[in-house]
């Protein structure tokens, strides 16, 4: 009987985990999600259901990116319908901005910080300078 209960608990946990990874089903957490670590990634898999999702491409070796960290955290925390997802372009073994990483090449990232914004429906609404302007406006409006 105990084995069956443990098996059922495992299966229900597995079902919850797999549904959380489905496209467009992420929920906004307390802190911005950090993804990629240099690897290719499908951003659509990380859009937050019912929210505008700001994808902030960053590197720990980028001074302006580090300066934005607190501002992006505040934006994520204070705007209920805006979620921030940090896309780290660096692979662990590269100790400078990793312009040649798979994710940087995948999205043509040549400048940092770089932003892409998806609407609540998951469709891209802005990228590059236009997305940066939106993010800066939302940050300025943050309490």
N, C-alpha and C. Protein backbone atom coordinates (compact mmCIF):
# COMPACT_ATOMS: atom_id res chain seq x y z
N UNK A 1 0.81 -1.20 0.00
CA UNK A 1 0.00 0.00 0.00
C UNK A 1 0.87 1.27 0.00
N UNK A 2 1.94 1.24 0.81
CA UNK A 2 2.84 2.38 0.90
C UNK A 2 3.53 2.63 -0.45
N UNK A 3 3.89 1.57 -1.13
CA UNK A 3 4.54 1.70 -2.44
C UNK A 3 3.58 2.36 -3.43
N UNK A 4 2.33 1.99 -3.39
CA UNK A 4 1.33 2.57 -4.30
C UNK A 4 1.16 4.05 -4.00
N UNK A 5 1.09 4.43 -2.72
CA UNK A 5 0.96 5.85 -2.35
C UNK A 5 2.16 6.64 -2.84
N UNK A 6 3.36 6.08 -2.65
CA UNK A 6 4.57 6.77 -3.11
C UNK A 6 4.59 6.90 -4.63
N UNK A 7 4.15 5.86 -5.33
CA UNK A 7 4.09 5.90 -6.78
C UNK A 7 3.09 6.96 -7.25
N UNK A 8 1.93 7.03 -6.62
CA UNK A 8 0.93 8.04 -6.98
C UNK A 8 1.44 9.45 -6.70
N UNK A 9 2.13 9.64 -5.58
CA UNK A 9 2.71 10.93 -5.27
C UNK A 9 3.75 11.32 -6.32
N UNK A 10 4.60 10.38 -6.70
CA UNK A 10 5.62 10.62 -7.73
C UNK A 10 4.97 11.00 -9.06
N UNK A 11 3.94 10.25 -9.47
CA UNK A 11 3.28 10.52 -10.74
C UNK A 11 2.58 11.88 -10.74
N UNK A 12 1.95 12.25 -9.64
CA UNK A 12 1.29 13.55 -9.58
C UNK A 12 2.31 14.68 -9.61
N UNK A 13 3.46 14.49 -8.96
CA UNK A 13 4.53 15.48 -8.99
C UNK A 13 5.08 15.62 -10.40
N UNK A 14 5.27 14.50 -11.07
CA UNK A 14 5.75 14.50 -12.44
C UNK A 14 4.77 15.21 -13.37
N UNK A 15 3.49 14.99 -13.19
CA UNK A 15 2.48 15.64 -14.01
C UNK A 15 2.49 17.15 -13.80
N UNK A 16 2.65 17.59 -12.55
CA UNK A 16 2.72 19.02 -12.27
C UNK A 16 3.96 19.63 -12.89
N UNK A 17 5.08 18.96 -12.78
CA UNK A 17 6.34 19.47 -13.34
C UNK A 17 6.25 19.58 -14.85
N UNK A 18 5.70 18.59 -15.51
CA UNK A 18 5.63 18.63 -16.97
C UNK A 18 4.65 19.70 -17.44
N UNK A 19 3.57 19.95 -16.71
CA UNK A 19 2.65 21.00 -17.11
C UNK A 19 3.27 22.37 -16.92
N UNK A 20 4.15 22.53 -15.93
CA UNK A 20 4.82 23.81 -15.71
C UNK A 20 5.80 24.12 -16.83
N UNK A 21 6.28 23.11 -17.54
CA UNK A 21 7.22 23.33 -18.61
C UNK A 21 6.56 23.47 -19.97
N UNK A 22 5.26 23.31 -20.03
CA UNK A 22 4.56 23.43 -21.30
C UNK A 22 4.56 24.89 -21.77
N UNK A 23 4.52 25.08 -23.06
CA UNK A 23 4.54 26.42 -23.64
C UNK A 23 3.38 27.24 -23.10
N UNK A 24 3.70 28.48 -22.66
CA UNK A 24 2.68 29.41 -22.24
C UNK A 24 2.00 29.08 -20.93
N UNK A 25 2.56 28.21 -20.11
CA UNK A 25 1.90 27.87 -18.85
C UNK A 25 2.71 28.27 -17.63
N UNK A 26 3.79 29.01 -17.82
CA UNK A 26 4.58 29.43 -16.68
C UNK A 26 3.82 30.44 -15.85
N UNK A 27 4.04 30.38 -14.56
CA UNK A 27 3.47 31.35 -13.66
C UNK A 27 4.57 32.29 -13.20
N UNK A 28 4.20 33.50 -12.86
CA UNK A 28 5.16 34.49 -12.40
C UNK A 28 5.58 34.15 -10.98
N UNK A 29 6.87 33.96 -10.80
CA UNK A 29 7.41 33.68 -9.47
C UNK A 29 7.75 34.96 -8.73
N UNK A 30 8.29 34.80 -7.54
CA UNK A 30 8.67 35.94 -6.72
C UNK A 30 9.82 36.74 -7.34
N UNK A 31 10.76 36.03 -7.96
CA UNK A 31 11.91 36.66 -8.60
C UNK A 31 11.91 36.33 -10.08
N UNK A 32 12.61 37.16 -10.88
CA UNK A 32 12.72 36.83 -12.30
C UNK A 32 13.37 35.46 -12.50
N UNK A 33 12.86 34.73 -13.46
CA UNK A 33 13.42 33.44 -13.84
C UNK A 33 14.72 33.70 -14.61
N UNK A 34 15.73 32.86 -14.40
CA UNK A 34 16.98 32.96 -15.15
C UNK A 34 17.14 31.70 -15.98
N UNK A 35 17.32 31.88 -17.30
CA UNK A 35 17.38 30.74 -18.21
C UNK A 35 18.61 30.81 -19.11
N UNK A 36 18.83 29.79 -19.87
CA UNK A 36 19.79 29.65 -20.98
C UNK A 36 21.20 29.28 -20.54
N UNK A 37 21.88 30.13 -19.77
CA UNK A 37 23.28 29.90 -19.43
C UNK A 37 24.08 29.54 -20.69
N UNK A 38 23.83 30.32 -21.73
CA UNK A 38 24.55 30.19 -22.99
C UNK A 38 23.95 29.23 -24.00
N UNK A 39 23.08 28.33 -23.57
CA UNK A 39 22.50 27.33 -24.47
C UNK A 39 21.35 27.91 -25.28
N UNK A 40 21.10 27.31 -26.44
CA UNK A 40 19.93 27.70 -27.23
C UNK A 40 18.67 27.49 -26.39
N UNK A 41 17.69 28.34 -26.62
CA UNK A 41 16.46 28.27 -25.84
C UNK A 41 15.30 28.81 -26.69
N UNK A 42 14.15 28.20 -26.55
CA UNK A 42 12.95 28.68 -27.22
C UNK A 42 12.21 29.59 -26.24
N UNK A 43 12.29 30.89 -26.48
CA UNK A 43 11.69 31.85 -25.55
C UNK A 43 10.20 31.62 -25.36
N UNK A 44 9.52 31.13 -26.38
CA UNK A 44 8.08 30.87 -26.27
C UNK A 44 7.76 29.91 -25.13
N UNK A 45 8.70 29.05 -24.80
CA UNK A 45 8.48 28.11 -23.71
C UNK A 45 8.51 28.77 -22.34
N UNK A 46 8.97 30.02 -22.28
CA UNK A 46 9.13 30.70 -21.00
C UNK A 46 8.26 31.94 -20.86
N UNK A 47 7.31 32.14 -21.78
CA UNK A 47 6.38 33.24 -21.60
C UNK A 47 5.50 32.94 -20.40
N UNK A 48 5.09 33.99 -19.71
CA UNK A 48 4.29 33.83 -18.50
C UNK A 48 2.82 34.06 -18.85
N UNK A 49 2.01 33.08 -18.56
CA UNK A 49 0.59 33.12 -18.89
C UNK A 49 -0.08 34.39 -18.38
N UNK A 50 -0.75 35.11 -19.29
CA UNK A 50 -1.54 36.28 -18.92
C UNK A 50 -0.72 37.52 -18.58
N UNK A 51 0.57 37.49 -18.79
CA UNK A 51 1.43 38.63 -18.46
C UNK A 51 2.25 39.05 -19.67
N UNK A 52 2.67 40.30 -19.66
CA UNK A 52 3.69 40.75 -20.59
C UNK A 52 4.98 40.13 -20.07
N UNK A 53 5.76 39.50 -20.95
CA UNK A 53 7.02 38.90 -20.53
C UNK A 53 8.18 39.67 -21.15
N UNK A 54 9.06 40.17 -20.29
CA UNK A 54 10.26 40.88 -20.71
C UNK A 54 11.41 39.89 -20.67
N UNK A 55 12.00 39.62 -21.82
CA UNK A 55 13.20 38.78 -21.89
C UNK A 55 14.40 39.73 -21.91
N UNK A 56 15.19 39.67 -20.85
CA UNK A 56 16.35 40.54 -20.70
C UNK A 56 17.61 39.70 -20.93
N UNK A 57 18.25 39.90 -22.08
CA UNK A 57 19.49 39.18 -22.38
C UNK A 57 20.62 39.85 -21.60
N UNK A 58 21.37 39.05 -20.84
CA UNK A 58 22.37 39.59 -19.94
C UNK A 58 23.64 38.74 -19.92
N UNK A 59 24.67 39.30 -19.29
CA UNK A 59 25.90 38.59 -18.99
C UNK A 59 26.45 39.17 -17.70
N UNK A 60 26.98 38.33 -16.84
CA UNK A 60 27.56 38.83 -15.60
C UNK A 60 28.78 39.71 -15.88
N UNK A 61 29.33 39.65 -17.09
CA UNK A 61 30.49 40.44 -17.46
C UNK A 61 30.11 41.76 -18.12
N UNK A 62 28.84 42.09 -18.12
CA UNK A 62 28.32 43.32 -18.72
C UNK A 62 27.92 44.27 -17.58
N UNK A 63 28.68 45.37 -17.42
CA UNK A 63 28.40 46.31 -16.34
C UNK A 63 26.99 46.90 -16.41
N UNK A 64 26.51 47.36 -17.57
CA UNK A 64 25.14 47.88 -17.62
C UNK A 64 24.09 46.81 -17.26
N UNK A 65 24.37 45.56 -17.60
CA UNK A 65 23.44 44.48 -17.24
C UNK A 65 23.35 44.34 -15.72
N UNK A 66 24.51 44.38 -15.07
CA UNK A 66 24.53 44.28 -13.60
C UNK A 66 23.81 45.46 -12.96
N UNK A 67 23.98 46.64 -13.55
CA UNK A 67 23.30 47.84 -13.03
C UNK A 67 21.79 47.72 -13.18
N UNK A 68 21.32 47.02 -14.19
CA UNK A 68 19.87 46.85 -14.43
C UNK A 68 19.24 45.80 -13.51
N UNK A 69 20.03 44.93 -12.91
CA UNK A 69 19.48 43.82 -12.13
C UNK A 69 18.43 44.26 -11.11
N UNK A 70 18.76 45.25 -10.27
CA UNK A 70 17.83 45.70 -9.24
C UNK A 70 16.58 46.33 -9.86
N UNK A 71 16.78 47.08 -10.94
CA UNK A 71 15.63 47.72 -11.61
C UNK A 71 14.69 46.68 -12.21
N UNK A 72 15.26 45.65 -12.84
CA UNK A 72 14.43 44.60 -13.43
C UNK A 72 13.72 43.79 -12.34
N UNK A 73 14.40 43.55 -11.23
CA UNK A 73 13.77 42.85 -10.10
C UNK A 73 12.59 43.66 -9.59
N UNK A 74 12.79 44.98 -9.43
CA UNK A 74 11.70 45.85 -8.95
C UNK A 74 10.54 45.86 -9.95
N UNK A 75 10.85 45.93 -11.24
CA UNK A 75 9.81 45.89 -12.27
C UNK A 75 9.00 44.59 -12.16
N UNK A 76 9.69 43.49 -12.04
CA UNK A 76 9.04 42.17 -11.92
C UNK A 76 8.15 42.11 -10.68
N UNK A 77 8.65 42.65 -9.58
CA UNK A 77 7.95 42.55 -8.29
C UNK A 77 6.77 43.51 -8.19
N UNK A 78 6.89 44.71 -8.76
CA UNK A 78 5.86 45.73 -8.53
C UNK A 78 4.78 45.80 -9.61
N UNK A 79 4.99 45.20 -10.75
CA UNK A 79 3.98 45.21 -11.82
C UNK A 79 3.37 43.81 -11.93
N UNK A 80 2.15 43.64 -11.46
CA UNK A 80 1.55 42.30 -11.46
C UNK A 80 1.40 41.67 -12.84
N UNK A 81 1.32 42.46 -13.88
CA UNK A 81 1.12 41.91 -15.23
C UNK A 81 2.38 41.96 -16.09
N UNK A 82 3.55 42.17 -15.44
CA UNK A 82 4.82 42.14 -16.16
C UNK A 82 5.73 41.14 -15.46
N UNK A 83 6.25 40.19 -16.24
CA UNK A 83 7.19 39.20 -15.72
C UNK A 83 8.52 39.37 -16.44
N UNK A 84 9.60 39.29 -15.70
CA UNK A 84 10.94 39.40 -16.27
C UNK A 84 11.58 38.02 -16.29
N UNK A 85 12.14 37.67 -17.44
CA UNK A 85 12.91 36.43 -17.60
C UNK A 85 14.30 36.83 -18.08
N UNK A 86 15.31 36.53 -17.27
CA UNK A 86 16.68 36.86 -17.63
C UNK A 86 17.28 35.74 -18.47
N UNK A 87 17.82 36.10 -19.64
CA UNK A 87 18.41 35.14 -20.56
C UNK A 87 19.93 35.35 -20.50
N UNK A 88 20.60 34.49 -19.76
CA UNK A 88 22.05 34.59 -19.59
C UNK A 88 22.75 34.05 -20.84
N UNK A 89 23.49 34.92 -21.54
CA UNK A 89 24.13 34.47 -22.78
C UNK A 89 25.44 33.74 -22.53
N UNK A 90 25.94 33.76 -21.30
CA UNK A 90 27.25 33.16 -21.03
C UNK A 90 27.21 31.68 -20.73
N UNK A 91 28.14 30.95 -21.37
CA UNK A 91 28.42 29.58 -20.98
C UNK A 91 29.36 29.63 -19.78
N UNK A 92 29.29 28.63 -18.92
CA UNK A 92 30.06 28.62 -17.66
C UNK A 92 31.56 28.75 -17.87
N UNK A 93 32.08 28.19 -18.94
CA UNK A 93 33.52 28.19 -19.15
C UNK A 93 34.06 29.47 -19.78
N UNK A 94 33.19 30.40 -20.16
CA UNK A 94 33.63 31.64 -20.80
C UNK A 94 33.57 32.77 -19.77
N UNK A 95 34.70 33.44 -19.55
CA UNK A 95 34.80 34.44 -18.49
C UNK A 95 34.92 35.86 -19.05
N UNK A 96 34.10 36.14 -20.03
CA UNK A 96 33.92 37.47 -20.62
C UNK A 96 32.56 37.40 -21.31
N UNK A 97 32.10 38.50 -21.88
CA UNK A 97 30.81 38.45 -22.58
C UNK A 97 30.92 37.44 -23.71
N UNK A 98 30.02 36.49 -23.71
CA UNK A 98 30.09 35.32 -24.60
C UNK A 98 29.27 35.54 -25.88
N UNK A 99 29.79 36.41 -26.75
CA UNK A 99 29.09 36.73 -28.00
C UNK A 99 28.92 35.51 -28.90
N UNK A 100 29.75 34.49 -28.74
CA UNK A 100 29.70 33.30 -29.59
C UNK A 100 28.87 32.18 -28.98
N UNK A 101 28.17 32.44 -27.87
CA UNK A 101 27.37 31.38 -27.26
C UNK A 101 26.22 30.99 -28.19
N UNK A 102 25.73 29.77 -28.06
CA UNK A 102 24.62 29.35 -28.91
C UNK A 102 23.39 30.26 -28.82
N UNK A 103 23.05 30.73 -27.62
CA UNK A 103 21.85 31.57 -27.49
C UNK A 103 22.10 32.97 -28.08
N UNK A 104 23.31 33.51 -27.92
CA UNK A 104 23.61 34.82 -28.52
C UNK A 104 23.54 34.73 -30.04
N UNK A 105 24.07 33.66 -30.60
CA UNK A 105 24.01 33.48 -32.05
C UNK A 105 22.59 33.21 -32.52
N UNK A 106 21.85 32.43 -31.74
CA UNK A 106 20.46 32.10 -32.10
C UNK A 106 19.61 33.35 -32.28
N UNK A 107 19.77 34.34 -31.36
CA UNK A 107 18.95 35.55 -31.41
C UNK A 107 19.69 36.75 -31.97
N UNK A 108 20.90 36.55 -32.50
CA UNK A 108 21.65 37.64 -33.11
C UNK A 108 21.99 38.75 -32.12
N UNK A 109 22.36 38.38 -30.91
CA UNK A 109 22.66 39.37 -29.88
C UNK A 109 24.08 39.89 -30.09
N UNK A 110 24.19 41.23 -30.31
CA UNK A 110 25.49 41.86 -30.53
C UNK A 110 25.70 43.03 -29.58
N UNK A 111 24.71 43.30 -28.74
CA UNK A 111 24.80 44.39 -27.78
C UNK A 111 24.04 43.99 -26.52
N UNK A 112 24.51 44.45 -25.38
CA UNK A 112 23.85 44.15 -24.11
C UNK A 112 23.73 45.43 -23.30
N UNK A 113 22.72 45.54 -22.46
CA UNK A 113 21.59 44.62 -22.36
C UNK A 113 20.71 44.71 -23.60
N UNK A 114 20.01 43.63 -23.87
CA UNK A 114 19.14 43.52 -25.04
C UNK A 114 17.81 42.97 -24.56
N UNK A 115 16.70 43.52 -25.06
CA UNK A 115 15.39 43.12 -24.59
C UNK A 115 14.49 42.65 -25.73
N UNK A 116 13.64 41.69 -25.42
CA UNK A 116 12.51 41.29 -26.26
C UNK A 116 11.30 41.25 -25.34
N UNK A 117 10.17 41.70 -25.85
CA UNK A 117 8.95 41.75 -25.04
C UNK A 117 7.84 41.00 -25.76
N UNK A 118 7.20 40.10 -25.03
CA UNK A 118 6.05 39.35 -25.56
C UNK A 118 4.80 39.78 -24.81
N UNK A 119 3.69 39.84 -25.54
CA UNK A 119 2.42 40.21 -24.92
C UNK A 119 1.82 39.04 -24.15
N UNK A 120 0.69 39.29 -23.48
CA UNK A 120 0.04 38.24 -22.70
C UNK A 120 -0.35 37.02 -23.53
N UNK A 121 -0.48 37.20 -24.85
CA UNK A 121 -0.81 36.09 -25.74
C UNK A 121 0.44 35.33 -26.21
N UNK A 122 1.62 35.77 -25.78
CA UNK A 122 2.87 35.10 -26.15
C UNK A 122 3.50 35.61 -27.43
N UNK A 123 2.82 36.53 -28.14
CA UNK A 123 3.38 37.06 -29.39
C UNK A 123 4.32 38.23 -29.11
N UNK A 124 5.42 38.28 -29.87
CA UNK A 124 6.41 39.34 -29.68
C UNK A 124 5.79 40.68 -30.04
N UNK A 125 5.95 41.67 -29.13
CA UNK A 125 5.43 43.00 -29.40
C UNK A 125 6.55 44.03 -29.61
N UNK A 126 7.75 43.72 -29.15
CA UNK A 126 8.87 44.65 -29.35
C UNK A 126 10.18 43.92 -29.11
N UNK A 127 11.24 44.45 -29.75
CA UNK A 127 12.58 43.93 -29.49
C UNK A 127 13.58 45.02 -29.79
N UNK A 128 14.78 44.88 -29.24
CA UNK A 128 15.83 45.86 -29.47
C UNK A 128 15.51 47.20 -28.84
N UNK A 129 15.74 48.29 -29.57
CA UNK A 129 15.55 49.64 -29.03
C UNK A 129 14.11 49.90 -28.60
N UNK A 130 13.16 49.40 -29.38
CA UNK A 130 11.74 49.61 -29.02
C UNK A 130 11.41 48.90 -27.71
N UNK A 131 11.92 47.70 -27.52
CA UNK A 131 11.68 46.97 -26.27
C UNK A 131 12.38 47.66 -25.11
N UNK A 132 13.60 48.14 -25.35
CA UNK A 132 14.34 48.84 -24.30
C UNK A 132 13.58 50.08 -23.85
N UNK A 133 13.00 50.81 -24.79
CA UNK A 133 12.21 52.00 -24.45
C UNK A 133 11.01 51.63 -23.59
N UNK A 134 10.32 50.54 -23.94
CA UNK A 134 9.19 50.09 -23.12
C UNK A 134 9.63 49.74 -21.71
N UNK A 135 10.70 48.97 -21.61
CA UNK A 135 11.20 48.54 -20.30
C UNK A 135 11.61 49.75 -19.47
N UNK A 136 12.32 50.70 -20.09
CA UNK A 136 12.72 51.91 -19.36
C UNK A 136 11.51 52.71 -18.88
N UNK A 137 10.47 52.79 -19.70
CA UNK A 137 9.25 53.50 -19.29
C UNK A 137 8.58 52.80 -18.12
N UNK A 138 8.46 51.46 -18.21
CA UNK A 138 7.84 50.71 -17.12
C UNK A 138 8.65 50.83 -15.84
N UNK A 139 9.97 50.84 -15.93
CA UNK A 139 10.81 50.98 -14.74
C UNK A 139 10.60 52.36 -14.13
N UNK A 140 10.53 53.40 -14.98
CA UNK A 140 10.32 54.76 -14.48
C UNK A 140 8.97 54.88 -13.78
N UNK A 141 7.98 54.11 -14.20
CA UNK A 141 6.65 54.14 -13.60
C UNK A 141 6.54 53.28 -12.36
N UNK A 142 7.59 52.48 -12.07
CA UNK A 142 7.55 51.58 -10.92
C UNK A 142 7.56 52.36 -9.62
N UNK A 143 6.77 51.89 -8.66
CA UNK A 143 6.74 52.58 -7.34
C UNK A 143 8.05 52.42 -6.59
